[in-house]
């Protein structure tokens, strides 16, 4: 029998998440593991040509080989740019007097 690797596939939505554990043959790619896991059937909204994937928070390509203990993560698209959201929060804090209008820091009392 061919040597097997123990890996996980993770995907999450705001209301539910899945973490699937499976054994795959040595030499399996990220794409092969995702397809083998069946997660694409459970979550038909996953589009591998759109969604980025990673291993332990490090973005990888679908043809990368997996190693024993890897957790393959399928990422959802961001609904807002984090830099833009930070900028909006800072502007709101200035308007509400929670931040100095010049420096952006906390106002001196």
C-alpha atoms as a PDB file:
ATOM      1  CA  UNK A   1       0.000   0.000   0.000  1.00  0.00           C
ATOM      2  CA  UNK A   2       1.275   3.472  -0.881  1.00  0.00           C
ATOM      3  CA  UNK A   3       2.365   5.751   1.931  1.00  0.00           C
ATOM      4  CA  UNK A   4      -0.416   8.082   3.093  1.00  0.00           C
ATOM      5  CA  UNK A   5      -0.383  11.630   4.435  1.00  0.00           C
ATOM      6  CA  UNK A   6      -2.800  12.964   7.032  1.00  0.00           C
ATOM      7  CA  UNK A   7      -4.162  16.393   5.957  1.00  0.00           C
ATOM      8  CA  UNK A   8      -7.129  18.675   6.584  1.00  0.00           C
ATOM      9  CA  UNK A   9      -9.273  20.889   4.368  1.00  0.00           C
ATOM     10  CA  UNK A  10     -10.937  23.951   5.918  1.00  0.00           C
ATOM     11  CA  UNK A  11     -13.570  26.380   4.670  1.00  0.00           C
ATOM     12  CA  UNK A  12     -15.749  28.770   6.632  1.00  0.00           C
ATOM     13  CA  UNK A  13     -18.752  30.972   6.077  1.00  0.00           C
ATOM     14  CA  UNK A  14     -20.031  33.380   8.725  1.00  0.00           C
ATOM     15  CA  UNK A  15     -22.738  30.918   9.768  1.00  0.00           C
ATOM     16  CA  UNK A  16     -20.940  27.571   9.393  1.00  0.00           C
ATOM     17  CA  UNK A  17     -17.551  26.021   8.832  1.00  0.00           C
ATOM     18  CA  UNK A  18     -16.060  22.700   7.850  1.00  0.00           C
ATOM     19  CA  UNK A  19     -12.786  21.069   8.829  1.00  0.00           C
ATOM     20  CA  UNK A  20     -12.350  17.762   7.043  1.00  0.00           C
ATOM     21  CA  UNK A  21      -9.593  15.283   7.918  1.00  0.00           C
ATOM     22  CA  UNK A  22      -8.463  12.792   5.296  1.00  0.00           C
ATOM     23  CA  UNK A  23      -5.620  10.557   4.218  1.00  0.00           C
ATOM     24  CA  UNK A  24      -4.138  11.088   0.770  1.00  0.00           C
ATOM     25  CA  UNK A  25      -1.269   9.462  -1.116  1.00  0.00           C
ATOM     26  CA  UNK A  26       2.199  10.989  -0.953  1.00  0.00           C
ATOM     27  CA  UNK A  27       2.631  13.270  -3.992  1.00  0.00           C
ATOM     28  CA  UNK A  28      -0.906  14.687  -3.832  1.00  0.00           C
ATOM     29  CA  UNK A  29      -1.404  18.309  -4.853  1.00  0.00           C
ATOM     30  CA  UNK A  30      -3.553  20.894  -3.091  1.00  0.00           C
ATOM     31  CA  UNK A  31      -6.116  20.591  -5.906  1.00  0.00           C
ATOM     32  CA  UNK A  32      -6.248  16.797  -5.626  1.00  0.00           C
ATOM     33  CA  UNK A  33      -6.783  16.992  -1.870  1.00  0.00           C
ATOM     34  CA  UNK A  34      -9.575  19.571  -2.230  1.00  0.00           C
ATOM     35  CA  UNK A  35     -11.310  17.446  -4.873  1.00  0.00           C
ATOM     36  CA  UNK A  36     -10.887  14.256  -2.832  1.00  0.00           C
ATOM     37  CA  UNK A  37     -12.301  15.899   0.302  1.00  0.00           C
ATOM     38  CA  UNK A  38     -15.725  16.460  -1.280  1.00  0.00           C
ATOM     39  CA  UNK A  39     -15.859  20.027   0.032  1.00  0.00           C
ATOM     40  CA  UNK A  40     -16.694  21.351  -3.446  1.00  0.00           C
ATOM     41  CA  UNK A  41     -19.944  19.386  -3.311  1.00  0.00           C
ATOM     42  CA  UNK A  42     -20.788  20.635   0.181  1.00  0.00           C
ATOM     43  CA  UNK A  43     -20.023  24.250  -0.753  1.00  0.00           C
ATOM     44  CA  UNK A  44     -20.869  24.743  -4.445  1.00  0.00           C
ATOM     45  CA  UNK A  45     -20.083  28.468  -4.084  1.00  0.00           C
ATOM     46  CA  UNK A  46     -16.361  27.640  -3.940  1.00  0.00           C
ATOM     47  CA  UNK A  47     -14.783  28.492  -7.273  1.00  0.00           C
ATOM     48  CA  UNK A  48     -11.123  27.536  -7.311  1.00  0.00           C
ATOM     49  CA  UNK A  49     -10.443  29.940 -10.173  1.00  0.00           C
ATOM     50  CA  UNK A  50     -11.649  32.765  -7.876  1.00  0.00           C
ATOM     51  CA  UNK A  51     -11.089  31.670  -4.270  1.00  0.00           C
ATOM     52  CA  UNK A  52      -7.507  31.725  -3.033  1.00  0.00           C
ATOM     53  CA  UNK A  53      -6.164  28.741  -1.127  1.00  0.00           C
ATOM     54  CA  UNK A  54      -3.446  28.404   1.459  1.00  0.00           C
ATOM     55  CA  UNK A  55      -1.670  26.033   3.785  1.00  0.00           C
ATOM     56  CA  UNK A  56      -1.555  27.224   7.391  1.00  0.00           C
ATOM     57  CA  UNK A  57      -2.323  30.849   6.385  1.00  0.00           C
ATOM     58  CA  UNK A  58       0.299  30.929   3.594  1.00  0.00           C
ATOM     59  CA  UNK A  59      -1.194  31.369   0.121  1.00  0.00           C
ATOM     60  CA  UNK A  60      -0.230  28.542  -2.247  1.00  0.00           C
ATOM     61  CA  UNK A  61      -0.920  27.416  -5.793  1.00  0.00           C
ATOM     62  CA  UNK A  62      -3.215  24.506  -6.535  1.00  0.00           C
ATOM     63  CA  UNK A  63      -0.355  22.427  -7.946  1.00  0.00           C
ATOM     64  CA  UNK A  64       1.737  22.602  -4.760  1.00  0.00           C
ATOM     65  CA  UNK A  65       2.425  19.242  -3.128  1.00  0.00           C
ATOM     66  CA  UNK A  66       1.028  18.703   0.354  1.00  0.00           C
ATOM     67  CA  UNK A  67       2.961  17.415   3.341  1.00  0.00           C
ATOM     68  CA  UNK A  68       1.854  15.375   6.321  1.00  0.00           C
ATOM     69  CA  UNK A  69      -0.096  17.533   8.775  1.00  0.00           C
ATOM     70  CA  UNK A  70      -0.931  20.317   6.288  1.00  0.00           C
ATOM     71  CA  UNK A  71      -4.211  22.185   6.686  1.00  0.00           C
ATOM     72  CA  UNK A  72      -5.458  23.427   3.323  1.00  0.00           C
ATOM     73  CA  UNK A  73      -7.583  26.529   3.743  1.00  0.00           C
ATOM     74  CA  UNK A  74      -9.975  27.859   1.118  1.00  0.00           C
ATOM     75  CA  UNK A  75     -10.421  31.604   1.536  1.00  0.00           C
ATOM     76  CA  UNK A  76     -13.550  33.627   0.842  1.00  0.00           C
ATOM     77  CA  UNK A  77     -13.286  36.881  -1.080  1.00  0.00           C
ATOM     78  CA  UNK A  78     -13.031  39.979   1.077  1.00  0.00           C
ATOM     79  CA  UNK A  79     -16.238  41.979   1.139  1.00  0.00           C
ATOM     80  CA  UNK A  80     -14.334  45.181   1.940  1.00  0.00           C
ATOM     81  CA  UNK A  81     -10.772  46.387   1.530  1.00  0.00           C
ATOM     82  CA  UNK A  82      -9.142  46.339   5.017  1.00  0.00           C
ATOM     83  CA  UNK A  83      -7.195  49.552   4.326  1.00  0.00           C
ATOM     84  CA  UNK A  84     -10.362  51.332   3.246  1.00  0.00           C
ATOM     85  CA  UNK A  85     -12.216  50.137   6.348  1.00  0.00           C
ATOM     86  CA  UNK A  86      -9.388  51.351   8.618  1.00  0.00           C
ATOM     87  CA  UNK A  87      -9.452  54.740   6.897  1.00  0.00           C
ATOM     88  CA  UNK A  88     -13.233  55.011   7.409  1.00  0.00           C
ATOM     89  CA  UNK A  89     -12.948  54.122  11.110  1.00  0.00           C
ATOM     90  CA  UNK A  90     -10.217  56.768  11.574  1.00  0.00           C
ATOM     91  CA  UNK A  91     -12.307  59.443   9.836  1.00  0.00           C
ATOM     92  CA  UNK A  92     -15.328  58.569  11.966  1.00  0.00           C
ATOM     93  CA  UNK A  93     -13.213  58.805  15.150  1.00  0.00           C
ATOM     94  CA  UNK A  94     -12.023  62.276  14.115  1.00  0.00           C
ATOM     95  CA  UNK A  95     -15.596  63.408  13.429  1.00  0.00           C
ATOM     96  CA  UNK A  96     -16.767  62.092  16.801  1.00  0.00           C
ATOM     97  CA  UNK A  97     -13.888  63.753  18.653  1.00  0.00           C
ATOM     98  CA  UNK A  98     -12.275  60.466  19.635  1.00  0.00           C
ATOM     99  CA  UNK A  99      -9.161  61.301  17.593  1.00  0.00           C
ATOM    100  CA  UNK A 100      -7.112  64.458  17.061  1.00  0.00           C
ATOM    101  CA  UNK A 101      -8.030  66.003  13.697  1.00  0.00           C
ATOM    102  CA  UNK A 102      -4.383  66.796  12.890  1.00  0.00           C
ATOM    103  CA  UNK A 103      -2.411  63.816  14.149  1.00  0.00           C
ATOM    104  CA  UNK A 104      -5.104  61.152  14.191  1.00  0.00           C
ATOM    105  CA  UNK A 105      -3.996  60.198  17.702  1.00  0.00           C
ATOM    106  CA  UNK A 106      -6.059  60.373  20.848  1.00  0.00           C
ATOM    107  CA  UNK A 107      -6.994  63.919  21.800  1.00  0.00           C
ATOM    108  CA  UNK A 108      -5.158  65.467  24.771  1.00  0.00           C
ATOM    109  CA  UNK A 109      -7.381  66.202  27.745  1.00  0.00           C
END
